[in-house]
Amino acid sequence: MCAKNIIPQLPISFASPELKDPSRQKLWQLFKSWTLDKERDQSANSEKEMLLFYEDLLALLDQVFDPVPETHDKPENEAFSNPPSPYFEQLITALKILVDPEMIFVFEIPLDDNSEIKCRKEVYMVIKHQEPSKMEAIQGLLTFLLCNKQEVCIHPITIGYLNKELKDGNIFFLTHITQTNLIYKKADAIELQECNIQHYPQILSHAKTVIENGWATADLFLKHAEMENKNGNQGLSLFFIHQSIELRLRALVLAWERHEKKTHEIRIMIRSCLKFIPDLAKVFPQNSEEECRILKLLEDAYCKTRYKSCFPVNQEEANELLQRALQIKSLCVAHYQMYFERILIES
């Protein structure tokens, strides 16, 4: 169940006391919608868990509208380009109360210079292993707490998964899940694997090679796309555009996480890279029928141009998709210069 579909208008902030009663009403609507859902688990345990969950949310509202000042574990303003807002601090408090995480890490990823929001706070909430139903409930809670705010993104990850990734040399986690970015740790928290990026010279070398080779091939496909577009072969141009974007993003995931994505869908590749480059979402926003159509056109070109001599694409569409491929290249290059070059120099 998706909270934002059930509750079309969520409170903008928990900072104003007058929002307390409307917030309680929204929670009641959420709980009532769940009870009316015919596809929900109607077992006694599920009913009990959801009732307790609802009561916890009500208790949370009482605390955030009349918070008890904390003397520790708060993010320091100096650690961020944008100092934590009251909403963000209340959000962290809510996560501690409702989810009971082992640890919380926070760091910032810069956004496009033209964006009103200059940085997005990435919140990595480390939790114990959860059953799928409980993880789904946590995701629904996060959707509610985020209130559609674009400046914060929360990633719930289990401690077992995180430890495995650190041990296997996931460069993204090795460079971001660090003591410097730790803002909360439960007293009896399970310890993380002790790893240091300096201990993985071969992995760093491999990541550099993956980026260089993958992006060189992506650039070749992009060059062919430009040539075919100029020659009037718009359908074939889209095939090369698709391949250029796919290979560029595939190399980025492989370099950061050492995982090969088993998909050719641009939509999935972009989604996999949003935690590295949030601005990729603006290239293919998929927020309208037209945006969904143009992405589908690109996906179709990958399959159909190989089997059909004529795949109908007009010049305007081909030009638009070529520009978006160049946009993705520009974002990836800037990302590499900001992160990978620094990591390689420091190592």
C-alpha atoms as a PDB file:
ATOM      1  CA  MET A   1       0.000   0.000   0.000  1.00  0.00           C
ATOM      2  CA  CYS A   2       1.427   3.400  -0.971  1.00  0.00           C
ATOM      3  CA  ALA A   3       0.713   6.121   1.597  1.00  0.00           C
ATOM      4  CA  LYS A   4       1.004   8.988  -0.871  1.00  0.00           C
ATOM      5  CA  ASN A   5      -1.752   7.485  -3.064  1.00  0.00           C
ATOM      6  CA  ILE A   6      -4.108   7.213  -0.106  1.00  0.00           C
ATOM      7  CA  ILE A   7      -3.265  10.629   1.348  1.00  0.00           C
ATOM      8  CA  PRO A   8      -3.074  13.156  -1.483  1.00  0.00           C
ATOM      9  CA  GLN A   9      -2.144  16.109   0.746  1.00  0.00           C
ATOM     10  CA  LEU A  10       0.425  15.503   3.447  1.00  0.00           C
ATOM     11  CA  PRO A  11       1.537  18.191   5.926  1.00  0.00           C
ATOM     12  CA  ILE A  12       4.454  20.214   4.602  1.00  0.00           C
ATOM     13  CA  SER A  13       6.152  20.285   8.006  1.00  0.00           C
ATOM     14  CA  PHE A  14       5.664  19.040  11.532  1.00  0.00           C
ATOM     15  CA  ALA A  15       6.992  22.355  12.840  1.00  0.00           C
ATOM     16  CA  SER A  16       3.612  24.144  13.199  1.00  0.00           C
ATOM     17  CA  PRO A  17       1.413  23.118  16.165  1.00  0.00           C
ATOM     18  CA  GLU A  18      -1.763  23.762  14.153  1.00  0.00           C
ATOM     19  CA  LEU A  19      -0.839  20.823  11.924  1.00  0.00           C
ATOM     20  CA  LYS A  20      -1.081  18.304  14.755  1.00  0.00           C
ATOM     21  CA  ASP A  21      -4.822  17.616  14.452  1.00  0.00           C
ATOM     22  CA  PRO A  22      -4.799  17.452  10.620  1.00  0.00           C
ATOM     23  CA  SER A  23      -1.868  15.051  10.864  1.00  0.00           C
ATOM     24  CA  ARG A  24      -3.778  12.797  13.244  1.00  0.00           C
ATOM     25  CA  GLN A  25      -6.694  12.842  10.807  1.00  0.00           C
ATOM     26  CA  LYS A  26      -4.389  11.818   7.954  1.00  0.00           C
ATOM     27  CA  LEU A  27      -3.084   8.920  10.029  1.00  0.00           C
ATOM     28  CA  TRP A  28      -6.633   7.838  10.769  1.00  0.00           C
ATOM     29  CA  GLN A  29      -7.427   7.923   7.028  1.00  0.00           C
ATOM     30  CA  LEU A  30      -4.342   5.809   6.374  1.00  0.00           C
ATOM     31  CA  PHE A  31      -5.304   3.252   9.026  1.00  0.00           C
ATOM     32  CA  LYS A  32      -8.924   3.174   7.861  1.00  0.00           C
ATOM     33  CA  SER A  33      -7.863   2.629   4.229  1.00  0.00           C
ATOM     34  CA  TRP A  34      -5.698  -0.274   5.321  1.00  0.00           C
ATOM     35  CA  THR A  35      -8.571  -1.924   7.211  1.00  0.00           C
ATOM     36  CA  LEU A  36     -10.776  -1.655   4.100  1.00  0.00           C
ATOM     37  CA  ASP A  37      -8.154  -3.176   1.804  1.00  0.00           C
ATOM     38  CA  LYS A  38      -9.531  -6.573   0.766  1.00  0.00           C
ATOM     39  CA  GLU A  39      -6.116  -7.832  -0.363  1.00  0.00           C
ATOM     40  CA  ARG A  40      -4.392  -7.251   2.981  1.00  0.00           C
ATOM     41  CA  ASP A  41      -3.252 -10.011   5.302  1.00  0.00           C
ATOM     42  CA  GLN A  42      -6.216 -10.501   7.653  1.00  0.00           C
ATOM     43  CA  SER A  43      -4.499 -12.778  10.154  1.00  0.00           C
ATOM     44  CA  ALA A  44      -4.683 -11.952  13.865  1.00  0.00           C
ATOM     45  CA  ASN A  45      -0.928 -11.240  14.014  1.00  0.00           C
ATOM     46  CA  SER A  46      -1.133  -8.846  11.093  1.00  0.00           C
ATOM     47  CA  GLU A  47      -4.098  -7.016  12.657  1.00  0.00           C
ATOM     48  CA  LYS A  48      -2.215  -6.691  15.933  1.00  0.00           C
ATOM     49  CA  GLU A  49       0.989  -5.476  14.249  1.00  0.00           C
ATOM     50  CA  MET A  50      -0.861  -2.826  12.245  1.00  0.00           C
ATOM     51  CA  LEU A  51      -2.762  -1.590  15.301  1.00  0.00           C
ATOM     52  CA  LEU A  52       0.495  -1.270  17.253  1.00  0.00           C
ATOM     53  CA  PHE A  53       2.064   0.477  14.262  1.00  0.00           C
ATOM     54  CA  TYR A  54      -0.837   2.973  14.164  1.00  0.00           C
ATOM     55  CA  GLU A  55      -0.525   3.630  17.902  1.00  0.00           C
ATOM     56  CA  ASP A  56       3.234   4.173  17.505  1.00  0.00           C
ATOM     57  CA  LEU A  57       2.580   6.765  14.806  1.00  0.00           C
ATOM     58  CA  LEU A  58       0.154   8.624  17.069  1.00  0.00           C
ATOM     59  CA  ALA A  59       2.731   8.569  19.868  1.00  0.00           C
ATOM     60  CA  LEU A  60       5.302   9.913  17.420  1.00  0.00           C
ATOM     61  CA  LEU A  61       3.090  12.888  16.569  1.00  0.00           C
ATOM     62  CA  ASP A  62       2.822  13.772  20.246  1.00  0.00           C
ATOM     63  CA  GLN A  63       6.610  13.696  20.535  1.00  0.00           C
ATOM     64  CA  VAL A  64       7.455  15.696  17.414  1.00  0.00           C
ATOM     65  CA  PHE A  65       4.964  18.453  18.285  1.00  0.00           C
ATOM     66  CA  ASP A  66       6.319  18.584  21.830  1.00  0.00           C
ATOM     67  CA  PRO A  67       9.864  17.234  21.378  1.00  0.00           C
ATOM     68  CA  VAL A  68      12.252  16.494  24.214  1.00  0.00           C
ATOM     69  CA  PRO A  69      15.605  18.185  23.466  1.00  0.00           C
ATOM     70  CA  GLU A  70      18.382  15.701  22.751  1.00  0.00           C
ATOM     71  CA  THR A  71      21.905  16.263  23.955  1.00  0.00           C
ATOM     72  CA  HIS A  72      23.629  13.828  21.593  1.00  0.00           C
ATOM     73  CA  ASP A  73      23.529  12.129  18.217  1.00  0.00           C
ATOM     74  CA  LYS A  74      22.253  15.211  16.378  1.00  0.00           C
ATOM     75  CA  PRO A  75      23.765  16.125  13.018  1.00  0.00           C
ATOM     76  CA  GLU A  76      26.222  18.978  13.352  1.00  0.00           C
ATOM     77  CA  ASN A  77      25.389  21.954  11.142  1.00  0.00           C
ATOM     78  CA  GLU A  78      29.030  22.245  10.078  1.00  0.00           C
ATOM     79  CA  ALA A  79      28.923  18.775   8.525  1.00  0.00           C
ATOM     80  CA  PHE A  80      26.524  19.825   5.770  1.00  0.00           C
ATOM     81  CA  SER A  81      26.441  22.404   3.006  1.00  0.00           C
ATOM     82  CA  ASN A  82      22.803  22.986   3.960  1.00  0.00           C
ATOM     83  CA  PRO A  83      22.336  22.978   7.768  1.00  0.00           C
ATOM     84  CA  PRO A  84      19.728  20.434   8.931  1.00  0.00           C
ATOM     85  CA  SER A  85      16.249  21.949   9.065  1.00  0.00           C
ATOM     86  CA  PRO A  86      13.836  21.367  11.973  1.00  0.00           C
ATOM     87  CA  TYR A  87      11.985  18.970   9.673  1.00  0.00           C
ATOM     88  CA  PHE A  88      15.154  16.943   9.038  1.00  0.00           C
ATOM     89  CA  GLU A  89      15.986  16.683  12.723  1.00  0.00           C
ATOM     90  CA  GLN A  90      12.406  15.602  13.465  1.00  0.00           C
ATOM     91  CA  LEU A  91      12.658  13.072  10.655  1.00  0.00           C
ATOM     92  CA  ILE A  92      15.765  11.508  12.216  1.00  0.00           C
ATOM     93  CA  THR A  93      13.988  11.406  15.587  1.00  0.00           C
ATOM     94  CA  ALA A  94      11.013   9.705  13.944  1.00  0.00           C
ATOM     95  CA  LEU A  95      13.243   7.053  12.377  1.00  0.00           C
ATOM     96  CA  LYS A  96      14.850   6.291  15.736  1.00  0.00           C
ATOM     97  CA  ILE A  97      11.466   5.901  17.440  1.00  0.00           C
ATOM     98  CA  LEU A  98       9.524   4.026  14.764  1.00  0.00           C
ATOM     99  CA  VAL A  99      12.125   1.899  13.005  1.00  0.00           C
ATOM    100  CA  ASP A 100      14.687   1.428  15.786  1.00  0.00           C
ATOM    101  CA  PRO A 101      17.671   1.289  13.403  1.00  0.00           C
ATOM    102  CA  GLU A 102      21.108   0.011  14.339  1.00  0.00           C
ATOM    103  CA  MET A 103      22.815   3.018  12.763  1.00  0.00           C
ATOM    104  CA  ILE A 104      22.063   6.056  10.626  1.00  0.00           C
ATOM    105  CA  PHE A 105      24.562   7.532   8.161  1.00  0.00           C
ATOM    106  CA  VAL A 106      23.998  10.862   6.419  1.00  0.00           C
ATOM    107  CA  PHE A 107      25.912  12.533   3.610  1.00  0.00           C
ATOM    108  CA  GLU A 108      25.109  15.004   0.861  1.00  0.00           C
ATOM    109  CA  ILE A 109      25.110  14.646  -2.900  1.00  0.00           C
ATOM    110  CA  PRO A 110      25.172  17.919  -4.879  1.00  0.00           C
ATOM    111  CA  LEU A 111      22.408  18.625  -7.358  1.00  0.00           C
ATOM    112  CA  ASP A 112      22.278  20.640 -10.558  1.00  0.00           C
ATOM    113  CA  ASP A 113      23.411  24.261 -10.123  1.00  0.00           C
ATOM    114  CA  ASN A 114      20.087  25.394 -11.609  1.00  0.00           C
ATOM    115  CA  SER A 115      18.109  23.528  -8.968  1.00  0.00           C
ATOM    116  CA  GLU A 116      16.540  25.382  -6.031  1.00  0.00           C
ATOM    117  CA  ILE A 117      17.865  22.593  -3.796  1.00  0.00           C
ATOM    118  CA  LYS A 118      21.666  22.559  -4.019  1.00  0.00           C
ATOM    119  CA  CYS A 119      22.254  19.267  -2.182  1.00  0.00           C
ATOM    120  CA  ARG A 120      20.242  16.180  -1.343  1.00  0.00           C
ATOM    121  CA  LYS A 121      20.758  14.518   2.017  1.00  0.00           C
ATOM    122  CA  GLU A 122      21.209  10.770   1.625  1.00  0.00           C
ATOM    123  CA  VAL A 123      20.069   8.933   4.754  1.00  0.00           C
ATOM    124  CA  TYR A 124      21.266   5.336   4.984  1.00  0.00           C
ATOM    125  CA  MET A 125      19.297   3.643   7.751  1.00  0.00           C
ATOM    126  CA  VAL A 126      20.933   0.366   8.785  1.00  0.00           C
ATOM    127  CA  ILE A 127      18.430  -2.138  10.192  1.00  0.00           C
ATOM    128  CA  LYS A 128      18.341  -5.775  11.221  1.00  0.00           C
ATOM    129  CA  HIS A 129      17.030  -8.416   8.824  1.00  0.00           C
ATOM    130  CA  GLN A 130      13.317  -7.903   8.143  1.00  0.00           C
ATOM    131  CA  GLU A 131      10.597 -10.083   6.693  1.00  0.00           C
ATOM    132  CA  PRO A 132       9.312  -8.791   3.319  1.00  0.00           C
ATOM    133  CA  SER A 133       5.997  -7.672   4.854  1.00  0.00           C
ATOM    134  CA  LYS A 134       7.776  -5.608   7.507  1.00  0.00           C
ATOM    135  CA  MET A 135      10.151  -4.101   4.959  1.00  0.00           C
ATOM    136  CA  GLU A 136       7.118  -3.094   2.888  1.00  0.00           C
ATOM    137  CA  ALA A 137       5.603  -1.441   5.976  1.00  0.00           C
ATOM    138  CA  ILE A 138       8.867   0.442   6.569  1.00  0.00           C
ATOM    139  CA  GLN A 139       8.873   1.674   2.959  1.00  0.00           C
ATOM    140  CA  GLY A 140       5.297   2.917   3.385  1.00  0.00           C
ATOM    141  CA  LEU A 141       6.277   4.711   6.579  1.00  0.00           C
ATOM    142  CA  LEU A 142       9.222   6.399   4.852  1.00  0.00           C
ATOM    143  CA  THR A 143       6.954   7.604   2.050  1.00  0.00           C
ATOM    144  CA  PHE A 144       4.685   9.179   4.646  1.00  0.00           C
ATOM    145  CA  LEU A 145       7.478  10.773   6.675  1.00  0.00           C
ATOM    146  CA  LEU A 146       9.236  12.232   3.619  1.00  0.00           C
ATOM    147  CA  CYS A 147       6.128  14.233   2.706  1.00  0.00           C
ATOM    148  CA  ASN A 148       7.236  14.357  -0.962  1.00  0.00           C
ATOM    149  CA  LYS A 149      10.312  16.400  -0.037  1.00  0.00           C
ATOM    150  CA  GLN A 150      12.994  16.234  -2.721  1.00  0.00           C
ATOM    151  CA  GLU A 151      15.931  17.311  -0.551  1.00  0.00           C
ATOM    152  CA  VAL A 152      16.040  14.057   1.436  1.00  0.00           C
ATOM    153  CA  CYS A 153      16.243  10.424   0.322  1.00  0.00           C
ATOM    154  CA  ILE A 154      16.130   7.503   2.780  1.00  0.00           C
ATOM    155  CA  HIS A 155      17.687   4.125   1.980  1.00  0.00           C
ATOM    156  CA  PRO A 156      16.835   1.297   4.411  1.00  0.00           C
ATOM    157  CA  ILE A 157      19.490  -1.434   4.219  1.00  0.00           C
ATOM    158  CA  THR A 158      20.000  -4.496   6.376  1.00  0.00           C
ATOM    159  CA  ILE A 159      23.200  -4.807   8.344  1.00  0.00           C
ATOM    160  CA  GLY A 160      23.882  -8.243   6.832  1.00  0.00           C
ATOM    161  CA  TYR A 161      23.694  -6.876   3.287  1.00  0.00           C
ATOM    162  CA  LEU A 162      25.847  -3.869   4.184  1.00  0.00           C
ATOM    163  CA  ASN A 163      28.532  -6.030   5.816  1.00  0.00           C
ATOM    164  CA  LYS A 164      28.653  -8.304   2.763  1.00  0.00           C
ATOM    165  CA  GLU A 165      28.976  -5.350   0.391  1.00  0.00           C
ATOM    166  CA  LEU A 166      31.758  -3.791   2.462  1.00  0.00           C
ATOM    167  CA  LYS A 167      33.639  -7.085   2.564  1.00  0.00           C
ATOM    168  CA  ASP A 168      33.216  -7.556  -1.202  1.00  0.00           C
ATOM    169  CA  GLY A 169      34.637  -4.105  -1.903  1.00  0.00           C
ATOM    170  CA  ASN A 170      31.576  -2.009  -2.757  1.00  0.00           C
ATOM    171  CA  ILE A 171      33.386   1.286  -3.363  1.00  0.00           C
ATOM    172  CA  PHE A 172      30.271   3.396  -2.861  1.00  0.00           C
ATOM    173  CA  PHE A 173      29.704   2.029   0.639  1.00  0.00           C
ATOM    174  CA  LEU A 174      33.416   2.018   1.479  1.00  0.00           C
ATOM    175  CA  THR A 175      33.645   5.745   0.742  1.00  0.00           C
ATOM    176  CA  HIS A 176      30.274   6.881   2.114  1.00  0.00           C
ATOM    177  CA  ILE A 177      29.341   4.581   5.017  1.00  0.00           C
ATOM    178  CA  THR A 178      32.082   5.918   7.268  1.00  0.00           C
ATOM    179  CA  GLN A 179      32.498   7.114  10.856  1.00  0.00           C
ATOM    180  CA  THR A 180      32.532  10.676   9.550  1.00  0.00           C
ATOM    181  CA  ASN A 181      28.998  10.256   8.196  1.00  0.00           C
ATOM    182  CA  LEU A 182      27.656   8.328  11.211  1.00  0.00           C
ATOM    183  CA  ILE A 183      25.089  10.459  13.089  1.00  0.00           C
ATOM    184  CA  TYR A 184      23.437   7.764  15.206  1.00  0.00           C
ATOM    185  CA  LYS A 185      24.417   4.384  16.592  1.00  0.00           C
ATOM    186  CA  LYS A 186      22.332   2.315  18.969  1.00  0.00           C
ATOM    187  CA  ALA A 187      24.116   1.337  22.172  1.00  0.00           C
ATOM    188  CA  ASP A 188      23.968  -2.407  21.442  1.00  0.00           C
ATOM    189  CA  ALA A 189      24.269  -2.118  17.657  1.00  0.00           C
ATOM    190  CA  ILE A 190      25.819  -4.977  15.700  1.00  0.00           C
ATOM    191  CA  GLU A 191      29.278  -3.917  14.540  1.00  0.00           C
ATOM    192  CA  LEU A 192      29.994  -3.289  10.882  1.00  0.00           C
ATOM    193  CA  GLN A 193      32.786  -5.008   8.995  1.00  0.00           C
ATOM    194  CA  GLU A 194      35.972  -2.967   9.455  1.00  0.00           C
ATOM    195  CA  CYS A 195      37.052  -2.055   5.941  1.00  0.00           C
ATOM    196  CA  ASN A 196      39.115   0.718   4.424  1.00  0.00           C
ATOM    197  CA  ILE A 197      39.166   1.788   0.796  1.00  0.00           C
ATOM    198  CA  GLN A 198      42.976   1.882   0.959  1.00  0.00           C
ATOM    199  CA  HIS A 199      42.984  -1.903   1.392  1.00  0.00           C
ATOM    200  CA  TYR A 200      41.407  -2.443  -2.024  1.00  0.00           C
ATOM    201  CA  PRO A 201      43.940  -1.205  -4.612  1.00  0.00           C
ATOM    202  CA  GLN A 202      42.966  -3.888  -7.137  1.00  0.00           C
ATOM    203  CA  ILE A 203      39.280  -3.007  -6.854  1.00  0.00           C
ATOM    204  CA  LEU A 204      40.042   0.675  -7.405  1.00  0.00           C
ATOM    205  CA  SER A 205      42.171  -0.171 -10.422  1.00  0.00           C
ATOM    206  CA  HIS A 206      39.393  -2.388 -11.783  1.00  0.00           C
ATOM    207  CA  ALA A 207      36.806   0.372 -11.273  1.00  0.00           C
ATOM    208  CA  LYS A 208      38.963   2.828 -13.216  1.00  0.00           C
ATOM    209  CA  THR A 209      39.332   0.329 -16.073  1.00  0.00           C
ATOM    210  CA  VAL A 210      35.585  -0.402 -16.094  1.00  0.00           C
ATOM    211  CA  ILE A 211      34.770   3.299 -16.366  1.00  0.00           C
ATOM    212  CA  GLU A 212      37.369   4.012 -19.047  1.00  0.00           C
ATOM    213  CA  ASN A 213      36.477   1.030 -21.253  1.00  0.00           C
ATOM    214  CA  GLY A 214      32.723   1.235 -20.739  1.00  0.00           C
ATOM    215  CA  TRP A 215      32.536   4.938 -21.418  1.00  0.00           C
ATOM    216  CA  ALA A 216      34.853   4.726 -24.429  1.00  0.00           C
ATOM    217  CA  THR A 217      32.442   2.224 -25.993  1.00  0.00           C
ATOM    218  CA  ALA A 218      29.481   4.399 -24.982  1.00  0.00           C
ATOM    219  CA  ASP A 219      31.137   7.364 -26.720  1.00  0.00           C
ATOM    220  CA  LEU A 220      31.563   5.307 -29.902  1.00  0.00           C
ATOM    221  CA  PHE A 221      27.864   4.432 -29.879  1.00  0.00           C
ATOM    222  CA  LEU A 222      27.037   8.106 -29.308  1.00  0.00           C
ATOM    223  CA  LYS A 223      29.218   9.101 -32.262  1.00  0.00           C
ATOM    224  CA  HIS A 224      27.435   6.548 -34.473  1.00  0.00           C
ATOM    225  CA  ALA A 225      24.089   7.907 -33.235  1.00  0.00           C
ATOM    226  CA  GLU A 226      25.058  11.415 -34.351  1.00  0.00           C
ATOM    227  CA  MET A 227      26.224  10.118 -37.751  1.00  0.00           C
ATOM    228  CA  GLU A 228      23.049   8.117 -38.406  1.00  0.00           C
ATOM    229  CA  ASN A 229      20.909  11.053 -37.322  1.00  0.00           C
ATOM    230  CA  LYS A 230      22.675  13.335 -39.807  1.00  0.00           C
ATOM    231  CA  ASN A 231      22.250  10.696 -42.530  1.00  0.00           C
ATOM    232  CA  GLY A 232      18.498  10.544 -41.925  1.00  0.00           C
ATOM    233  CA  ASN A 233      18.493   7.100 -40.273  1.00  0.00           C
ATOM    234  CA  GLN A 234      16.626   8.204 -37.148  1.00  0.00           C
ATOM    235  CA  GLY A 235      15.521   4.696 -36.157  1.00  0.00           C
ATOM    236  CA  LEU A 236      19.076   3.356 -36.217  1.00  0.00           C
ATOM    237  CA  SER A 237      20.240   6.509 -34.453  1.00  0.00           C
ATOM    238  CA  LEU A 238      17.918   5.677 -31.540  1.00  0.00           C
ATOM    239  CA  PHE A 239      19.393   2.176 -31.295  1.00  0.00           C
ATOM    240  CA  PHE A 240      22.873   3.667 -30.858  1.00  0.00           C
ATOM    241  CA  ILE A 241      21.540   6.256 -28.386  1.00  0.00           C
ATOM    242  CA  HIS A 242      20.026   3.452 -26.312  1.00  0.00           C
ATOM    243  CA  GLN A 243      23.283   1.497 -26.326  1.00  0.00           C
ATOM    244  CA  SER A 244      25.308   4.568 -25.410  1.00  0.00           C
ATOM    245  CA  ILE A 245      23.139   5.346 -22.370  1.00  0.00           C
ATOM    246  CA  GLU A 246      22.918   1.706 -21.286  1.00  0.00           C
ATOM    247  CA  LEU A 247      26.672   1.073 -21.430  1.00  0.00           C
ATOM    248  CA  ARG A 248      27.526   4.351 -19.705  1.00  0.00           C
ATOM    249  CA  LEU A 249      25.214   3.668 -16.760  1.00  0.00           C
ATOM    250  CA  ARG A 250      26.076  -0.037 -16.640  1.00  0.00           C
ATOM    251  CA  ALA A 251      29.766   0.848 -16.262  1.00  0.00           C
ATOM    252  CA  LEU A 252      28.940   3.327 -13.498  1.00  0.00           C
ATOM    253  CA  VAL A 253      27.069   0.702 -11.441  1.00  0.00           C
ATOM    254  CA  LEU A 254      29.777  -1.903 -12.025  1.00  0.00           C
ATOM    255  CA  ALA A 255      32.528   0.503 -10.974  1.00  0.00           C
ATOM    256  CA  TRP A 256      30.795   1.643  -7.788  1.00  0.00           C
ATOM    257  CA  GLU A 257      29.136  -1.581  -6.644  1.00  0.00           C
ATOM    258  CA  ARG A 258      30.897  -4.374  -8.564  1.00  0.00           C
ATOM    259  CA  HIS A 259      27.508  -5.660  -9.734  1.00  0.00           C
ATOM    260  CA  GLU A 260      26.615  -6.282 -13.376  1.00  0.00           C
ATOM    261  CA  LYS A 261      23.049  -5.171 -14.075  1.00  0.00           C
ATOM    262  CA  LYS A 262      21.213  -7.894 -16.015  1.00  0.00           C
ATOM    263  CA  THR A 263      18.874  -5.590 -17.878  1.00  0.00           C
ATOM    264  CA  HIS A 264      18.748  -3.520 -21.044  1.00  0.00           C
ATOM    265  CA  GLU A 265      15.979  -1.200 -19.815  1.00  0.00           C
ATOM    266  CA  ILE A 266      17.080   2.421 -19.557  1.00  0.00           C
ATOM    267  CA  ARG A 267      14.385   3.030 -16.941  1.00  0.00           C
ATOM    268  CA  ILE A 268      15.914   0.435 -14.614  1.00  0.00           C
ATOM    269  CA  MET A 269      19.485   1.526 -15.328  1.00  0.00           C
ATOM    270  CA  ILE A 270      18.631   5.123 -14.413  1.00  0.00           C
ATOM    271  CA  ARG A 271      16.855   4.016 -11.244  1.00  0.00           C
ATOM    272  CA  SER A 272      19.956   2.026 -10.248  1.00  0.00           C
ATOM    273  CA  CYS A 273      22.142   5.124 -10.651  1.00  0.00           C
ATOM    274  CA  LEU A 274      19.952   7.694  -8.879  1.00  0.00           C
ATOM    275  CA  LYS A 275      21.773   7.158  -5.583  1.00  0.00           C
ATOM    276  CA  PHE A 276      24.968   8.252  -7.357  1.00  0.00           C
ATOM    277  CA  ILE A 277      23.537  10.999  -9.593  1.00  0.00           C
ATOM    278  CA  PRO A 278      20.054  12.168  -8.481  1.00  0.00           C
ATOM    279  CA  ASP A 279      19.855  14.602 -11.413  1.00  0.00           C
ATOM    280  CA  LEU A 280      19.501  11.649 -13.811  1.00  0.00           C
ATOM    281  CA  ALA A 281      15.822  11.658 -12.825  1.00  0.00           C
ATOM    282  CA  LYS A 282      15.445  15.011 -14.599  1.00  0.00           C
ATOM    283  CA  VAL A 283      16.688  13.627 -17.919  1.00  0.00           C
ATOM    284  CA  PHE A 284      13.838  11.117 -18.181  1.00  0.00           C
ATOM    285  CA  PRO A 285      11.343  12.337 -15.538  1.00  0.00           C
ATOM    286  CA  GLN A 286       8.481  10.021 -16.631  1.00  0.00           C
ATOM    287  CA  ASN A 287       6.027  12.460 -15.057  1.00  0.00           C
ATOM    288  CA  SER A 288       3.668  12.744 -18.026  1.00  0.00           C
ATOM    289  CA  GLU A 289       2.244  10.645 -20.849  1.00  0.00           C
ATOM    290  CA  GLU A 290       4.598  12.329 -23.312  1.00  0.00           C
ATOM    291  CA  GLU A 291       7.656  11.575 -21.166  1.00  0.00           C
ATOM    292  CA  CYS A 292       6.611   7.941 -20.794  1.00  0.00           C
ATOM    293  CA  ARG A 293       6.040   7.730 -24.543  1.00  0.00           C
ATOM    294  CA  ILE A 294       9.456   9.079 -25.510  1.00  0.00           C
ATOM    295  CA  LEU A 295      11.236   6.701 -23.123  1.00  0.00           C
ATOM    296  CA  LYS A 296       9.208   3.790 -24.510  1.00  0.00           C
ATOM    297  CA  LEU A 297      10.202   4.886 -28.020  1.00  0.00           C
ATOM    298  CA  LEU A 298      13.856   4.620 -27.011  1.00  0.00           C
ATOM    299  CA  GLU A 299      13.321   1.204 -25.386  1.00  0.00           C
ATOM    300  CA  ASP A 300      11.444  -0.055 -28.466  1.00  0.00           C
ATOM    301  CA  ALA A 301      14.232   1.128 -30.750  1.00  0.00           C
ATOM    302  CA  TYR A 302      16.686  -1.210 -29.021  1.00  0.00           C
ATOM    303  CA  CYS A 303      14.609  -4.268 -29.963  1.00  0.00           C
ATOM    304  CA  LYS A 304      12.802  -3.332 -33.153  1.00  0.00           C
ATOM    305  CA  THR A 305      15.532  -1.655 -35.201  1.00  0.00           C
ATOM    306  CA  ARG A 306      17.456  -4.937 -35.207  1.00  0.00           C
ATOM    307  CA  TYR A 307      14.586  -6.809 -36.846  1.00  0.00           C
ATOM    308  CA  LYS A 308      12.805  -4.158 -38.901  1.00  0.00           C
ATOM    309  CA  SER A 309      14.355  -2.318 -41.810  1.00  0.00           C
ATOM    310  CA  CYS A 310      12.141   0.682 -41.076  1.00  0.00           C
ATOM    311  CA  PHE A 311      11.441   1.824 -37.524  1.00  0.00           C
ATOM    312  CA  PRO A 312       9.479   5.105 -37.739  1.00  0.00           C
ATOM    313  CA  VAL A 313      11.045   7.955 -35.769  1.00  0.00           C
ATOM    314  CA  ASN A 314      10.749  11.623 -36.680  1.00  0.00           C
ATOM    315  CA  GLN A 315      13.657  14.053 -36.687  1.00  0.00           C
ATOM    316  CA  GLU A 316      12.438  16.016 -33.683  1.00  0.00           C
ATOM    317  CA  GLU A 317      12.235  12.892 -31.512  1.00  0.00           C
ATOM    318  CA  ALA A 318      15.676  11.730 -32.607  1.00  0.00           C
ATOM    319  CA  ASN A 319      17.187  15.145 -31.859  1.00  0.00           C
ATOM    320  CA  GLU A 320      15.522  15.240 -28.442  1.00  0.00           C
ATOM    321  CA  LEU A 321      16.791  11.799 -27.437  1.00  0.00           C
ATOM    322  CA  LEU A 322      20.276  12.589 -28.714  1.00  0.00           C
ATOM    323  CA  GLN A 323      20.362  15.675 -26.489  1.00  0.00           C
ATOM    324  CA  ARG A 324      19.287  13.586 -23.516  1.00  0.00           C
ATOM    325  CA  ALA A 325      22.074  11.092 -24.166  1.00  0.00           C
ATOM    326  CA  LEU A 326      24.540  13.997 -24.198  1.00  0.00           C
ATOM    327  CA  GLN A 327      22.995  15.249 -20.954  1.00  0.00           C
ATOM    328  CA  ILE A 328      23.572  11.881 -19.300  1.00  0.00           C
ATOM    329  CA  LYS A 329      27.160  11.855 -20.539  1.00  0.00           C
ATOM    330  CA  SER A 330      27.737  15.327 -19.072  1.00  0.00           C
ATOM    331  CA  LEU A 331      26.273  14.315 -15.685  1.00  0.00           C
ATOM    332  CA  CYS A 332      28.394  11.154 -15.593  1.00  0.00           C
ATOM    333  CA  VAL A 333      31.610  13.003 -16.453  1.00  0.00           C
ATOM    334  CA  ALA A 334      30.952  15.595 -13.734  1.00  0.00           C
ATOM    335  CA  HIS A 335      30.217  12.786 -11.270  1.00  0.00           C
ATOM    336  CA  TYR A 336      33.471  11.015 -12.171  1.00  0.00           C
ATOM    337  CA  GLN A 337      35.497  14.201 -11.723  1.00  0.00           C
ATOM    338  CA  MET A 338      33.906  14.904  -8.351  1.00  0.00           C
ATOM    339  CA  TYR A 339      34.176  11.412  -6.873  1.00  0.00           C
ATOM    340  CA  PHE A 340      36.307   8.871  -8.719  1.00  0.00           C
ATOM    341  CA  GLU A 341      39.203  11.181  -9.501  1.00  0.00           C
ATOM    342  CA  ARG A 342      39.390  12.224  -5.839  1.00  0.00           C
ATOM    343  CA  ILE A 343      39.218   8.612  -4.617  1.00  0.00           C
ATOM    344  CA  LEU A 344      41.950   7.521  -7.021  1.00  0.00           C
ATOM    345  CA  ILE A 345      44.208  10.422  -6.014  1.00  0.00           C
ATOM    346  CA  GLU A 346      43.707   9.806  -2.289  1.00  0.00           C
ATOM    347  CA  SER A 347      44.373   6.082  -2.670  1.00  0.00           C
END
